[in-house]
Amino acid sequence: MAAKIKKGDKVIVLTGKDKGKEGQVIGVFPKEERALVQGVNMVTRHEKPSQVSAGGLNRREAKIQLSNLAVVDPKTGKATRVGFKTLDDGRKVRVAKASGEVIDG
């Protein structure tokens, strides 16, 4: 099945502690059905000092379930579902269900 959420997409969080936050997708993990979103689902990691880093408390993004994310509609700026459409030149593109706007270039 084609990916509805891809790296670089602007998404909004639908549920959980970060509900309503928007961010850009850093990476997608289809087998785990999860994604990394910039600035969302931040966790604190304790790291030991090494020759490379000083260690201490580091904050970074944790993976979030794909079902808790929705693509931001390019026209309205609100959450929307994603559909697929074949253009006249034969390309298959993602389309925002709410406005019909093409998400892919």
PDB file of N, CA and C in Angstrom:
ATOM      1  N   MET A   1       0.842  -1.191   0.000  1.00  0.00           N
ATOM      2  CA  MET A   1       0.000   0.000   0.000  1.00  0.00           C
ATOM      3  C   MET A   1       0.884   1.251   0.000  1.00  0.00           C
ATOM      4  N   ALA A   2       0.463   2.264  -0.689  1.00  0.00           N
ATOM      5  CA  ALA A   2       1.237   3.497  -0.785  1.00  0.00           C
ATOM      6  C   ALA A   2       1.218   4.238   0.551  1.00  0.00           C
ATOM      7  N   ALA A   3       2.292   4.985   0.805  1.00  0.00           N
ATOM      8  CA  ALA A   3       2.419   5.701   2.076  1.00  0.00           C
ATOM      9  C   ALA A   3       1.567   6.964   2.077  1.00  0.00           C
ATOM     10  N   LYS A   4       0.765   7.135   3.124  1.00  0.00           N
ATOM     11  CA  LYS A   4      -0.058   8.330   3.247  1.00  0.00           C
ATOM     12  C   LYS A   4       0.709   9.451   3.932  1.00  0.00           C
ATOM     13  N   ILE A   5       1.680   9.082   4.781  1.00  0.00           N
ATOM     14  CA  ILE A   5       2.538  10.061   5.440  1.00  0.00           C
ATOM     15  C   ILE A   5       3.972   9.757   5.040  1.00  0.00           C
ATOM     16  N   LYS A   6       4.663  10.789   4.558  1.00  0.00           N
ATOM     17  CA  LYS A   6       6.038  10.626   4.091  1.00  0.00           C
ATOM     18  C   LYS A   6       6.961  11.609   4.802  1.00  0.00           C
ATOM     19  N   LYS A   7       8.261  11.343   4.691  1.00  0.00           N
ATOM     20  CA  LYS A   7       9.281  12.220   5.255  1.00  0.00           C
ATOM     21  C   LYS A   7       9.143  13.610   4.623  1.00  0.00           C
ATOM     22  N   GLY A   8       9.172  14.648   5.450  1.00  0.00           N
ATOM     23  CA  GLY A   8       9.062  16.013   4.954  1.00  0.00           C
ATOM     24  C   GLY A   8       7.658  16.581   5.018  1.00  0.00           C
ATOM     25  N   ASP A   9       6.649  15.737   5.264  1.00  0.00           N
ATOM     26  CA  ASP A   9       5.268  16.211   5.366  1.00  0.00           C
ATOM     27  C   ASP A   9       5.078  17.024   6.640  1.00  0.00           C
ATOM     28  N   LYS A  10       4.164  17.994   6.579  1.00  0.00           N
ATOM     29  CA  LYS A  10       3.775  18.726   7.770  1.00  0.00           C
ATOM     30  C   LYS A  10       2.550  18.018   8.332  1.00  0.00           C
ATOM     31  N   VAL A  11       2.641  17.591   9.598  1.00  0.00           N
ATOM     32  CA  VAL A  11       1.559  16.822  10.214  1.00  0.00           C
ATOM     33  C   VAL A  11       1.104  17.471  11.513  1.00  0.00           C
ATOM     34  N   ILE A  12      -0.084  17.070  11.966  1.00  0.00           N
ATOM     35  CA  ILE A  12      -0.637  17.535  13.232  1.00  0.00           C
ATOM     36  C   ILE A  12      -0.943  16.306  14.076  1.00  0.00           C
ATOM     37  N   VAL A  13      -0.720  16.415  15.392  1.00  0.00           N
ATOM     38  CA  VAL A  13      -0.963  15.307  16.310  1.00  0.00           C
ATOM     39  C   VAL A  13      -2.433  15.331  16.728  1.00  0.00           C
ATOM     40  N   LEU A  14      -3.109  14.184  16.592  1.00  0.00           N
ATOM     41  CA  LEU A  14      -4.539  14.094  16.874  1.00  0.00           C
ATOM     42  C   LEU A  14      -4.840  13.720  18.323  1.00  0.00           C
ATOM     43  N   THR A  15      -4.000  12.888  18.947  1.00  0.00           N
ATOM     44  CA  THR A  15      -4.261  12.442  20.314  1.00  0.00           C
ATOM     45  C   THR A  15      -2.976  12.388  21.119  1.00  0.00           C
ATOM     46  N   GLY A  16      -3.128  12.268  22.435  1.00  0.00           N
ATOM     47  CA  GLY A  16      -1.972  12.119  23.309  1.00  0.00           C
ATOM     48  C   GLY A  16      -1.559  13.422  23.965  1.00  0.00           C
ATOM     49  N   LYS A  17      -0.405  13.383  24.630  1.00  0.00           N
ATOM     50  CA  LYS A  17       0.062  14.544  25.401  1.00  0.00           C
ATOM     51  C   LYS A  17       0.399  15.742  24.518  1.00  0.00           C
ATOM     52  N   ASP A  18       0.708  15.502  23.243  1.00  0.00           N
ATOM     53  CA  ASP A  18       1.073  16.584  22.322  1.00  0.00           C
ATOM     54  C   ASP A  18      -0.055  16.930  21.357  1.00  0.00           C
ATOM     55  N   LYS A  19      -1.289  16.634  21.721  1.00  0.00           N
ATOM     56  CA  LYS A  19      -2.442  16.873  20.848  1.00  0.00           C
ATOM     57  C   LYS A  19      -2.479  18.330  20.379  1.00  0.00           C
ATOM     58  N   GLY A  20      -2.649  18.515  19.061  1.00  0.00           N
ATOM     59  CA  GLY A  20      -2.724  19.855  18.484  1.00  0.00           C
ATOM     60  C   GLY A  20      -1.392  20.404  17.997  1.00  0.00           C
ATOM     61  N   LYS A  21      -0.286  19.790  18.388  1.00  0.00           N
ATOM     62  CA  LYS A  21       1.027  20.276  17.951  1.00  0.00           C
ATOM     63  C   LYS A  21       1.265  19.904  16.490  1.00  0.00           C
ATOM     64  N   GLU A  22       1.971  20.791  15.799  1.00  0.00           N
ATOM     65  CA  GLU A  22       2.336  20.535  14.405  1.00  0.00           C
ATOM     66  C   GLU A  22       3.838  20.386  14.303  1.00  0.00           C
ATOM     67  N   GLY A  23       4.276  19.615  13.311  1.00  0.00           N
ATOM     68  CA  GLY A  23       5.697  19.442  13.090  1.00  0.00           C
ATOM     69  C   GLY A  23       5.953  18.769  11.760  1.00  0.00           C
ATOM     70  N   GLN A  24       7.211  18.730  11.391  1.00  0.00           N
ATOM     71  CA  GLN A  24       7.607  18.112  10.133  1.00  0.00           C
ATOM     72  C   GLN A  24       8.109  16.696  10.399  1.00  0.00           C
ATOM     73  N   VAL A  25       7.746  15.767   9.513  1.00  0.00           N
ATOM     74  CA  VAL A  25       8.145  14.374   9.677  1.00  0.00           C
ATOM     75  C   VAL A  25       9.634  14.238   9.358  1.00  0.00           C
ATOM     76  N   ILE A  26      10.396  13.696  10.320  1.00  0.00           N
ATOM     77  CA  ILE A  26      11.831  13.481  10.149  1.00  0.00           C
ATOM     78  C   ILE A  26      12.085  12.130   9.510  1.00  0.00           C
ATOM     79  N   GLY A  27      11.290  11.139   9.901  1.00  0.00           N
ATOM     80  CA  GLY A  27      11.468   9.786   9.374  1.00  0.00           C
ATOM     81  C   GLY A  27      10.218   8.961   9.592  1.00  0.00           C
ATOM     82  N   VAL A  28      10.009   7.960   8.719  1.00  0.00           N
ATOM     83  CA  VAL A  28       8.853   7.079   8.819  1.00  0.00           C
ATOM     84  C   VAL A  28       9.343   5.634   8.896  1.00  0.00           C
ATOM     85  N   PHE A  29       8.718   4.845   9.754  1.00  0.00           N
ATOM     86  CA  PHE A  29       9.069   3.450   9.959  1.00  0.00           C
ATOM     87  C   PHE A  29       7.832   2.592   9.693  1.00  0.00           C
ATOM     88  N   PRO A  30       7.591   2.217   8.426  1.00  0.00           N
ATOM     89  CA  PRO A  30       6.351   1.534   8.052  1.00  0.00           C
ATOM     90  C   PRO A  30       6.126   0.188   8.744  1.00  0.00           C
ATOM     91  N   LYS A  31       7.186  -0.580   8.967  1.00  0.00           N
ATOM     92  CA  LYS A  31       7.021  -1.888   9.615  1.00  0.00           C
ATOM     93  C   LYS A  31       6.542  -1.744  11.059  1.00  0.00           C
ATOM     94  N   GLU A  32       6.953  -0.665  11.710  1.00  0.00           N
ATOM     95  CA  GLU A  32       6.544  -0.404  13.091  1.00  0.00           C
ATOM     96  C   GLU A  32       5.271   0.439  13.143  1.00  0.00           C
ATOM     97  N   GLU A  33       4.844   0.983  12.003  1.00  0.00           N
ATOM     98  CA  GLU A  33       3.702   1.901  11.892  1.00  0.00           C
ATOM     99  C   GLU A  33       3.909   3.123  12.783  1.00  0.00           C
ATOM    100  N   ARG A  34       5.126   3.672  12.729  1.00  0.00           N
ATOM    101  CA  ARG A  34       5.474   4.829  13.546  1.00  0.00           C
ATOM    102  C   ARG A  34       6.257   5.852  12.727  1.00  0.00           C
ATOM    103  N   ALA A  35       6.331   7.082  13.266  1.00  0.00           N
ATOM    104  CA  ALA A  35       7.073   8.157  12.605  1.00  0.00           C
ATOM    105  C   ALA A  35       7.756   9.023  13.648  1.00  0.00           C
ATOM    106  N   LEU A  36       8.812   9.708  13.232  1.00  0.00           N
ATOM    107  CA  LEU A  36       9.476  10.713  14.060  1.00  0.00           C
ATOM    108  C   LEU A  36       9.039  12.078  13.569  1.00  0.00           C
ATOM    109  N   VAL A  37       8.540  12.903  14.482  1.00  0.00           N
ATOM    110  CA  VAL A  37       8.072  14.238  14.118  1.00  0.00           C
ATOM    111  C   VAL A  37       8.867  15.258  14.915  1.00  0.00           C
ATOM    112  N   GLN A  38       9.356  16.275  14.219  1.00  0.00           N
ATOM    113  CA  GLN A  38      10.209  17.295  14.829  1.00  0.00           C
ATOM    114  C   GLN A  38       9.457  18.058  15.917  1.00  0.00           C
ATOM    115  N   GLY A  39      10.011  18.058  17.150  1.00  0.00           N
ATOM    116  CA  GLY A  39       9.434  18.822  18.257  1.00  0.00           C
ATOM    117  C   GLY A  39       8.233  18.185  18.919  1.00  0.00           C
ATOM    118  N   VAL A  40       7.899  16.947  18.559  1.00  0.00           N
ATOM    119  CA  VAL A  40       6.728  16.276  19.111  1.00  0.00           C
ATOM    120  C   VAL A  40       7.167  14.998  19.818  1.00  0.00           C
ATOM    121  N   ASN A  41       6.482  14.653  20.920  1.00  0.00           N
ATOM    122  CA  ASN A  41       6.761  13.445  21.694  1.00  0.00           C
ATOM    123  C   ASN A  41       8.207  13.442  22.192  1.00  0.00           C
ATOM    124  N   MET A  42       8.596  14.562  22.809  1.00  0.00           N
ATOM    125  CA  MET A  42       9.954  14.711  23.316  1.00  0.00           C
ATOM    126  C   MET A  42      10.157  13.866  24.574  1.00  0.00           C
ATOM    127  N   VAL A  43      11.308  13.169  24.638  1.00  0.00           N
ATOM    128  CA  VAL A  43      11.664  12.358  25.794  1.00  0.00           C
ATOM    129  C   VAL A  43      13.061  12.750  26.258  1.00  0.00           C
ATOM    130  N   THR A  44      13.357  12.463  27.522  1.00  0.00           N
ATOM    131  CA  THR A  44      14.670  12.761  28.082  1.00  0.00           C
ATOM    132  C   THR A  44      15.468  11.475  28.187  1.00  0.00           C
ATOM    133  N   ARG A  45      16.681  11.490  27.680  1.00  0.00           N
ATOM    134  CA  ARG A  45      17.565  10.333  27.735  1.00  0.00           C
ATOM    135  C   ARG A  45      18.779  10.682  28.592  1.00  0.00           C
ATOM    136  N   HIS A  46      19.134   9.772  29.488  1.00  0.00           N
ATOM    137  CA  HIS A  46      20.348   9.921  30.299  1.00  0.00           C
ATOM    138  C   HIS A  46      21.494   9.280  29.514  1.00  0.00           C
ATOM    139  N   GLU A  47      22.540  10.044  29.244  1.00  0.00           N
ATOM    140  CA  GLU A  47      23.666   9.503  28.486  1.00  0.00           C
ATOM    141  C   GLU A  47      24.950   9.637  29.289  1.00  0.00           C
ATOM    142  N   LYS A  48      25.753   8.575  29.243  1.00  0.00           N
ATOM    143  CA  LYS A  48      27.037   8.581  29.932  1.00  0.00           C
ATOM    144  C   LYS A  48      28.030   9.430  29.149  1.00  0.00           C
ATOM    145  N   PRO A  49      28.960  10.059  29.829  1.00  0.00           N
ATOM    146  CA  PRO A  49      29.996  10.812  29.126  1.00  0.00           C
ATOM    147  C   PRO A  49      30.884   9.867  28.309  1.00  0.00           C
ATOM    148  N   SER A  50      31.318  10.337  27.148  1.00  0.00           N
ATOM    149  CA  SER A  50      32.235   9.563  26.316  1.00  0.00           C
ATOM    150  C   SER A  50      33.260  10.526  25.732  1.00  0.00           C
ATOM    151  N   GLN A  51      34.149  10.007  24.898  1.00  0.00           N
ATOM    152  CA  GLN A  51      35.145  10.871  24.272  1.00  0.00           C
ATOM    153  C   GLN A  51      34.496  11.858  23.314  1.00  0.00           C
ATOM    154  N   VAL A  52      33.340  11.501  22.781  1.00  0.00           N
ATOM    155  CA  VAL A  52      32.662  12.347  21.795  1.00  0.00           C
ATOM    156  C   VAL A  52      31.750  13.375  22.456  1.00  0.00           C
ATOM    157  N   SER A  53      30.960  12.943  23.463  1.00  0.00           N
ATOM    158  CA  SER A  53      29.994  13.867  24.068  1.00  0.00           C
ATOM    159  C   SER A  53      30.204  13.950  25.577  1.00  0.00           C
ATOM    160  N   ALA A  54      29.689  15.033  26.147  1.00  0.00           N
ATOM    161  CA  ALA A  54      29.844  15.266  27.580  1.00  0.00           C
ATOM    162  C   ALA A  54      28.878  14.428  28.406  1.00  0.00           C
ATOM    163  N   GLY A  55      27.820  13.928  27.788  1.00  0.00           N
ATOM    164  CA  GLY A  55      26.827  13.147  28.513  1.00  0.00           C
ATOM    165  C   GLY A  55      25.820  14.056  29.195  1.00  0.00           C
ATOM    166  N   GLY A  56      25.023  13.495  30.104  1.00  0.00           N
ATOM    167  CA  GLY A  56      24.017  14.273  30.824  1.00  0.00           C
ATOM    168  C   GLY A  56      22.623  13.961  30.305  1.00  0.00           C
ATOM    169  N   LEU A  57      21.701  14.894  30.513  1.00  0.00           N
ATOM    170  CA  LEU A  57      20.323  14.719  30.072  1.00  0.00           C
ATOM    171  C   LEU A  57      20.146  15.294  28.671  1.00  0.00           C
ATOM    172  N   ASN A  58      19.743  14.462  27.730  1.00  0.00           N
ATOM    173  CA  ASN A  58      19.518  14.914  26.362  1.00  0.00           C
ATOM    174  C   ASN A  58      18.052  14.729  26.004  1.00  0.00           C
ATOM    175  N   ARG A  59      17.445  15.777  25.456  1.00  0.00           N
ATOM    176  CA  ARG A  59      16.048  15.700  25.013  1.00  0.00           C
ATOM    177  C   ARG A  59      16.017  15.455  23.510  1.00  0.00           C
ATOM    178  N   ARG A  60      15.179  14.486  23.099  1.00  0.00           N
ATOM    179  CA  ARG A  60      15.046  14.206  21.672  1.00  0.00           C
ATOM    180  C   ARG A  60      13.665  13.625  21.402  1.00  0.00           C
ATOM    181  N   GLU A  61      13.319  13.542  20.119  1.00  0.00           N
ATOM    182  CA  GLU A  61      12.008  13.045  19.724  1.00  0.00           C
ATOM    183  C   GLU A  61      11.942  11.530  19.849  1.00  0.00           C
ATOM    184  N   ALA A  62      10.788  11.023  20.231  1.00  0.00           N
ATOM    185  CA  ALA A  62      10.530   9.587  20.227  1.00  0.00           C
ATOM    186  C   ALA A  62       9.526   9.312  19.112  1.00  0.00           C
ATOM    187  N   LYS A  63       9.478   8.054  18.665  1.00  0.00           N
ATOM    188  CA  LYS A  63       8.548   7.684  17.598  1.00  0.00           C
ATOM    189  C   LYS A  63       7.114   7.806  18.094  1.00  0.00           C
ATOM    190  N   ILE A  64       6.219   8.141  17.169  1.00  0.00           N
ATOM    191  CA  ILE A  64       4.805   8.287  17.489  1.00  0.00           C
ATOM    192  C   ILE A  64       4.002   7.452  16.500  1.00  0.00           C
ATOM    193  N   GLN A  65       2.916   6.877  16.972  1.00  0.00           N
ATOM    194  CA  GLN A  65       2.065   6.012  16.144  1.00  0.00           C
ATOM    195  C   GLN A  65       1.482   6.801  14.967  1.00  0.00           C
ATOM    196  N   LEU A  66       1.488   6.198  13.761  1.00  0.00           N
ATOM    197  CA  LEU A  66       0.971   6.870  12.562  1.00  0.00           C
ATOM    198  C   LEU A  66      -0.518   7.192  12.678  1.00  0.00           C
ATOM    199  N   SER A  67      -1.262   6.363  13.414  1.00  0.00           N
ATOM    200  CA  SER A  67      -2.695   6.597  13.561  1.00  0.00           C
ATOM    201  C   SER A  67      -2.993   7.862  14.365  1.00  0.00           C
ATOM    202  N   ASN A  68      -2.008   8.359  15.091  1.00  0.00           N
ATOM    203  CA  ASN A  68      -2.183   9.578  15.889  1.00  0.00           C
ATOM    204  C   ASN A  68      -1.786  10.836  15.127  1.00  0.00           C
ATOM    205  N   LEU A  69      -1.433  10.693  13.847  1.00  0.00           N
ATOM    206  CA  LEU A  69      -0.999  11.824  13.028  1.00  0.00           C
ATOM    207  C   LEU A  69      -1.945  12.038  11.861  1.00  0.00           C
ATOM    208  N   ALA A  70      -2.074  13.277  11.433  1.00  0.00           N
ATOM    209  CA  ALA A  70      -2.842  13.604  10.231  1.00  0.00           C
ATOM    210  C   ALA A  70      -2.065  14.650   9.448  1.00  0.00           C
ATOM    211  N   VAL A  71      -2.098  14.544   8.143  1.00  0.00           N
ATOM    212  CA  VAL A  71      -1.416  15.502   7.277  1.00  0.00           C
ATOM    213  C   VAL A  71      -2.156  16.836   7.328  1.00  0.00           C
ATOM    214  N   VAL A  72      -1.405  17.936   7.325  1.00  0.00           N
ATOM    215  CA  VAL A  72      -1.998  19.270   7.321  1.00  0.00           C
ATOM    216  C   VAL A  72      -2.395  19.625   5.889  1.00  0.00           C
ATOM    217  N   ASP A  73      -3.644  20.043   5.719  1.00  0.00           N
ATOM    218  CA  ASP A  73      -4.164  20.424   4.407  1.00  0.00           C
ATOM    219  C   ASP A  73      -3.428  21.672   3.917  1.00  0.00           C
ATOM    220  N   PRO A  74      -2.824  21.629   2.706  1.00  0.00           N
ATOM    221  CA  PRO A  74      -2.071  22.797   2.215  1.00  0.00           C
ATOM    222  C   PRO A  74      -2.945  24.030   1.981  1.00  0.00           C
ATOM    223  N   LYS A  75      -4.242  23.828   1.789  1.00  0.00           N
ATOM    224  CA  LYS A  75      -5.147  24.948   1.508  1.00  0.00           C
ATOM    225  C   LYS A  75      -5.670  25.604   2.789  1.00  0.00           C
ATOM    226  N   THR A  76      -6.163  24.787   3.729  1.00  0.00           N
ATOM    227  CA  THR A  76      -6.807  25.320   4.929  1.00  0.00           C
ATOM    228  C   THR A  76      -5.914  25.337   6.162  1.00  0.00           C
ATOM    229  N   GLY A  77      -4.884  24.483   6.197  1.00  0.00           N
ATOM    230  CA  GLY A  77      -4.009  24.411   7.356  1.00  0.00           C
ATOM    231  C   GLY A  77      -4.551  23.540   8.474  1.00  0.00           C
ATOM    232  N   LYS A  78      -5.636  22.809   8.203  1.00  0.00           N
ATOM    233  CA  LYS A  78      -6.227  21.922   9.196  1.00  0.00           C
ATOM    234  C   LYS A  78      -5.894  20.472   8.868  1.00  0.00           C
ATOM    235  N   ALA A  79      -6.169  19.571   9.814  1.00  0.00           N
ATOM    236  CA  ALA A  79      -5.917  18.149   9.608  1.00  0.00           C
ATOM    237  C   ALA A  79      -6.849  17.604   8.529  1.00  0.00           C
ATOM    238  N   THR A  80      -6.322  16.705   7.702  1.00  0.00           N
ATOM    239  CA  THR A  80      -7.127  16.096   6.656  1.00  0.00           C
ATOM    240  C   THR A  80      -6.705  14.657   6.428  1.00  0.00           C
ATOM    241  N   ARG A  81      -7.614  13.887   5.861  1.00  0.00           N
ATOM    242  CA  ARG A  81      -7.261  12.531   5.453  1.00  0.00           C
ATOM    243  C   ARG A  81      -6.593  12.617   4.086  1.00  0.00           C
ATOM    244  N   VAL A  82      -5.942  11.531   3.695  1.00  0.00           N
ATOM    245  CA  VAL A  82      -5.190  11.522   2.442  1.00  0.00           C
ATOM    246  C   VAL A  82      -5.780  10.483   1.498  1.00  0.00           C
ATOM    247  N   GLY A  83      -5.978  10.886   0.249  1.00  0.00           N
ATOM    248  CA  GLY A  83      -6.424   9.967  -0.794  1.00  0.00           C
ATOM    249  C   GLY A  83      -5.420   9.965  -1.925  1.00  0.00           C
ATOM    250  N   PHE A  84      -5.682   9.161  -2.929  1.00  0.00           N
ATOM    251  CA  PHE A  84      -4.779   9.078  -4.073  1.00  0.00           C
ATOM    252  C   PHE A  84      -5.541   9.352  -5.352  1.00  0.00           C
ATOM    253  N   LYS A  85      -4.828   9.918  -6.337  1.00  0.00           N
ATOM    254  CA  LYS A  85      -5.440  10.294  -7.606  1.00  0.00           C
ATOM    255  C   LYS A  85      -4.384  10.136  -8.693  1.00  0.00           C
ATOM    256  N   THR A  86      -4.799   9.678  -9.859  1.00  0.00           N
ATOM    257  CA  THR A  86      -3.887   9.568 -10.987  1.00  0.00           C
ATOM    258  C   THR A  86      -4.100  10.768 -11.904  1.00  0.00           C
ATOM    259  N   LEU A  87      -3.027  11.492 -12.182  1.00  0.00           N
ATOM    260  CA  LEU A  87      -3.113  12.674 -13.041  1.00  0.00           C
ATOM    261  C   LEU A  87      -3.144  12.265 -14.510  1.00  0.00           C
ATOM    262  N   ASP A  88      -3.395  13.233 -15.381  1.00  0.00           N
ATOM    263  CA  ASP A  88      -3.472  12.977 -16.822  1.00  0.00           C
ATOM    264  C   ASP A  88      -2.160  12.435 -17.386  1.00  0.00           C
ATOM    265  N   ASP A  89      -1.033  12.878 -16.811  1.00  0.00           N
ATOM    266  CA  ASP A  89       0.265  12.412 -17.309  1.00  0.00           C
ATOM    267  C   ASP A  89       0.666  11.051 -16.730  1.00  0.00           C
ATOM    268  N   GLY A  90      -0.216  10.421 -15.935  1.00  0.00           N
ATOM    269  CA  GLY A  90       0.028   9.078 -15.431  1.00  0.00           C
ATOM    270  C   GLY A  90       0.649   9.014 -14.047  1.00  0.00           C
ATOM    271  N   ARG A  91       0.969  10.168 -13.461  1.00  0.00           N
ATOM    272  CA  ARG A  91       1.563  10.176 -12.117  1.00  0.00           C
ATOM    273  C   ARG A  91       0.482   9.941 -11.059  1.00  0.00           C
ATOM    274  N   LYS A  92       0.826   9.167 -10.034  1.00  0.00           N
ATOM    275  CA  LYS A  92      -0.074   8.934  -8.903  1.00  0.00           C
ATOM    276  C   LYS A  92       0.330   9.896  -7.792  1.00  0.00           C
ATOM    277  N   VAL A  93      -0.585  10.751  -7.357  1.00  0.00           N
ATOM    278  CA  VAL A  93      -0.275  11.758  -6.346  1.00  0.00           C
ATOM    279  C   VAL A  93      -1.210  11.622  -5.151  1.00  0.00           C
ATOM    280  N   ARG A  94      -0.751  12.143  -4.014  1.00  0.00           N
ATOM    281  CA  ARG A  94      -1.586  12.189  -2.821  1.00  0.00           C
ATOM    282  C   ARG A  94      -2.443  13.436  -2.858  1.00  0.00           C
ATOM    283  N   VAL A  95      -3.687  13.309  -2.393  1.00  0.00           N
ATOM    284  CA  VAL A  95      -4.645  14.411  -2.439  1.00  0.00           C
ATOM    285  C   VAL A  95      -5.282  14.570  -1.065  1.00  0.00           C
ATOM    286  N   ALA A  96      -5.467  15.817  -0.624  1.00  0.00           N
ATOM    287  CA  ALA A  96      -6.164  16.087   0.633  1.00  0.00           C
ATOM    288  C   ALA A  96      -7.654  15.850   0.409  1.00  0.00           C
ATOM    289  N   LYS A  97      -8.256  15.001   1.239  1.00  0.00           N
ATOM    290  CA  LYS A  97      -9.675  14.661   1.078  1.00  0.00           C
ATOM    291  C   LYS A  97     -10.574  15.871   1.314  1.00  0.00           C
ATOM    292  N   ALA A  98     -10.206  16.742   2.251  1.00  0.00           N
ATOM    293  CA  ALA A  98     -11.050  17.872   2.626  1.00  0.00           C
ATOM    294  C   ALA A  98     -11.175  18.900   1.498  1.00  0.00           C
ATOM    295  N   SER A  99     -10.053  19.270   0.887  1.00  0.00           N
ATOM    296  CA  SER A  99     -10.078  20.339  -0.109  1.00  0.00           C
ATOM    297  C   SER A  99      -9.839  19.865  -1.532  1.00  0.00           C
ATOM    298  N   GLY A 100      -9.342  18.645  -1.701  1.00  0.00           N
ATOM    299  CA  GLY A 100      -9.021  18.150  -3.032  1.00  0.00           C
ATOM    300  C   GLY A 100      -7.689  18.645  -3.548  1.00  0.00           C
ATOM    301  N   GLU A 101      -6.952  19.359  -2.702  1.00  0.00           N
ATOM    302  CA  GLU A 101      -5.650  19.926  -3.080  1.00  0.00           C
ATOM    303  C   GLU A 101      -4.590  18.826  -3.178  1.00  0.00           C
ATOM    304  N   VAL A 102      -3.706  18.921  -4.164  1.00  0.00           N
ATOM    305  CA  VAL A 102      -2.636  17.939  -4.326  1.00  0.00           C
ATOM    306  C   VAL A 102      -1.554  18.203  -3.287  1.00  0.00           C
ATOM    307  N   ILE A 103      -1.164  17.153  -2.548  1.00  0.00           N
ATOM    308  CA  ILE A 103      -0.135  17.281  -1.502  1.00  0.00           C
ATOM    309  C   ILE A 103       1.251  17.147  -2.131  1.00  0.00           C
ATOM    310  N   ASP A 104       1.427  16.186  -3.039  1.00  0.00           N
ATOM    311  CA  ASP A 104       2.713  16.017  -3.720  1.00  0.00           C
ATOM    312  C   ASP A 104       2.853  17.061  -4.821  1.00  0.00           C
ATOM    313  N   GLY A 105       4.096  17.359  -5.184  1.00  0.00           N
ATOM    314  CA  GLY A 105       4.362  18.339  -6.241  1.00  0.00           C
ATOM    315  C   GLY A 105       4.044  17.838  -7.558  1.00  0.00           C
TER     316      GLY A 105
END
